Amino acid sequence: MSKVTNKRYYAGLALLAGVLFLNAPLLKAAEKKTLQGTISDVMCGATHKMGDISAAECTTKCVEMGSKYALVVGSTVYELEGKADDLKALAGAKVKLTGTVDGKKIQVESVSKA
């Protein structure tokens, strides 16, 4: 390699290392957690919009129409994956849920009434 090519190569490596270092906090791995909240759906979140039906009925109907189950913890809405039968049975209820949290998604491992 010529000296100019060498310098460009090392400059490129240094730039790549800097970008990776600065973005390291964004690359945080998913972690297993236990959270308490209410089973809802992603479309409605904490505020159900289907008129005069219960939160459980609204959640079930929204999921039947294509929404995904969600766990509402305060003002945060987590999209849930897995254990659909257990989530359906607990729709609208306060629960204790354990799973792998990755951003705003949770792969559900277990869920029970709180």
Protein backbone atom coordinates (compact mmCIF):
# COMPACT_ATOMS: atom_id res chain seq x y z
CA MET A 1 0.00 0.00 0.00
CA SER A 2 1.18 3.51 -0.68
CA LYS A 3 1.52 6.04 2.12
CA VAL A 4 -1.62 7.93 0.98
CA THR A 5 -3.69 4.74 0.86
CA ASN A 6 -2.35 3.74 4.29
CA LYS A 7 -3.36 7.10 5.78
CA ARG A 8 -6.87 6.86 4.29
CA TYR A 9 -7.23 3.30 5.57
CA TYR A 10 -6.28 4.25 9.13
CA ALA A 11 -8.38 7.44 9.01
CA GLY A 12 -11.37 5.33 7.94
CA LEU A 13 -10.76 2.85 10.78
CA ALA A 14 -10.47 5.69 13.29
CA LEU A 15 -13.73 7.21 12.03
CA LEU A 16 -15.52 3.86 12.24
CA ALA A 17 -14.21 3.27 15.78
CA GLY A 18 -15.39 6.73 16.83
CA VAL A 19 -18.88 6.19 15.43
CA LEU A 20 -19.18 2.81 17.15
CA PHE A 21 -17.92 4.24 20.45
CA LEU A 22 -20.37 7.16 20.39
CA ASN A 23 -23.32 4.92 19.53
CA ALA A 24 -22.50 2.18 22.06
CA PRO A 25 -25.31 3.24 24.44
CA LEU A 26 -27.81 2.78 21.60
CA LEU A 27 -26.65 -0.80 21.08
CA LYS A 28 -27.82 -1.89 24.54
CA ALA A 29 -28.86 -5.53 24.57
CA ALA A 30 -32.32 -6.73 25.52
CA GLU A 31 -32.67 -7.64 29.18
CA LYS A 32 -35.00 -9.81 31.24
CA LYS A 33 -37.29 -7.80 33.53
CA THR A 34 -40.43 -8.17 35.61
CA LEU A 35 -42.93 -5.32 35.24
CA GLN A 36 -46.36 -4.57 36.67
CA GLY A 37 -49.01 -2.91 34.55
CA THR A 38 -52.28 -3.41 32.71
CA ILE A 39 -52.87 -5.62 29.69
CA SER A 40 -54.21 -3.54 26.81
CA ASP A 41 -53.53 -3.30 23.09
CA VAL A 42 -51.08 -1.15 21.12
CA MET A 43 -53.82 0.79 19.29
CA CYS A 44 -55.65 1.95 22.43
CA GLY A 45 -52.82 1.99 24.96
CA ALA A 46 -54.15 3.31 28.29
CA THR A 47 -57.27 4.95 26.79
CA HIS A 48 -59.84 2.61 25.25
CA LYS A 49 -61.89 4.13 22.47
CA MET A 50 -64.74 1.67 21.85
CA GLY A 51 -67.58 3.39 23.68
CA ASP A 52 -69.42 1.65 26.48
CA ILE A 53 -67.54 -1.65 26.67
CA SER A 54 -65.02 -2.78 29.26
CA ALA A 55 -61.25 -2.47 28.83
CA ALA A 56 -61.08 -6.26 28.53
CA GLU A 57 -63.67 -6.36 25.73
CA CYS A 58 -62.05 -3.42 23.92
CA THR A 59 -58.61 -5.04 24.10
CA THR A 60 -59.93 -8.36 22.81
CA LYS A 61 -61.80 -6.71 19.91
CA CYS A 62 -58.81 -4.54 18.93
CA VAL A 63 -56.50 -7.58 18.91
CA GLU A 64 -59.04 -9.48 16.77
CA MET A 65 -58.90 -6.53 14.32
CA GLY A 66 -55.09 -6.76 14.07
CA SER A 67 -53.70 -4.74 16.98
CA LYS A 68 -51.13 -6.40 19.27
CA TYR A 69 -51.37 -6.94 23.00
CA ALA A 70 -49.61 -4.32 25.11
CA LEU A 71 -48.53 -3.76 28.67
CA VAL A 72 -49.26 -0.26 29.97
CA VAL A 73 -46.87 0.80 32.73
CA GLY A 74 -47.61 4.40 33.72
CA SER A 75 -47.45 6.33 30.45
CA THR A 76 -45.28 3.73 28.69
CA VAL A 77 -46.88 1.21 26.29
CA TYR A 78 -44.88 -1.95 25.56
CA GLU A 79 -45.82 -4.17 22.59
CA LEU A 80 -46.07 -7.80 23.68
CA GLU A 81 -45.05 -10.95 21.80
CA GLY A 82 -45.89 -14.51 22.84
CA LYS A 83 -48.28 -16.08 25.38
CA ALA A 84 -51.34 -14.78 23.43
CA ASP A 85 -53.76 -17.15 25.21
CA ASP A 86 -52.58 -15.99 28.65
CA LEU A 87 -52.74 -12.33 27.57
CA LYS A 88 -56.27 -12.78 26.20
CA ALA A 89 -57.41 -14.28 29.51
CA LEU A 90 -55.93 -11.29 31.39
CA ALA A 91 -57.03 -8.52 28.98
CA GLY A 92 -57.85 -5.36 30.93
CA ALA A 93 -56.37 -6.74 34.17
CA LYS A 94 -53.45 -5.54 36.29
CA VAL A 95 -50.66 -8.07 35.90
CA LYS A 96 -47.11 -8.99 36.83
CA LEU A 97 -45.26 -9.83 33.62
CA THR A 98 -41.76 -11.24 33.11
CA GLY A 99 -40.02 -11.14 29.76
CA THR A 100 -37.16 -9.92 27.63
CA VAL A 101 -37.45 -6.15 27.16
CA ASP A 102 -35.97 -4.68 23.98
CA GLY A 103 -36.86 -1.02 23.73
CA LYS A 104 -40.67 -0.85 23.69
CA LYS A 105 -41.16 -4.56 22.92
CA ILE A 106 -41.35 -7.47 25.35
CA GLN A 107 -41.04 -11.16 24.55
CA VAL A 108 -43.34 -12.54 27.27
CA GLU A 109 -42.06 -15.44 29.38
CA SER A 110 -44.74 -15.42 32.06
CA VAL A 111 -47.73 -13.35 33.10
CA SER A 112 -50.03 -13.56 36.13
CA LYS A 113 -52.69 -11.43 37.77
CA ALA A 114 -51.16 -8.87 40.13
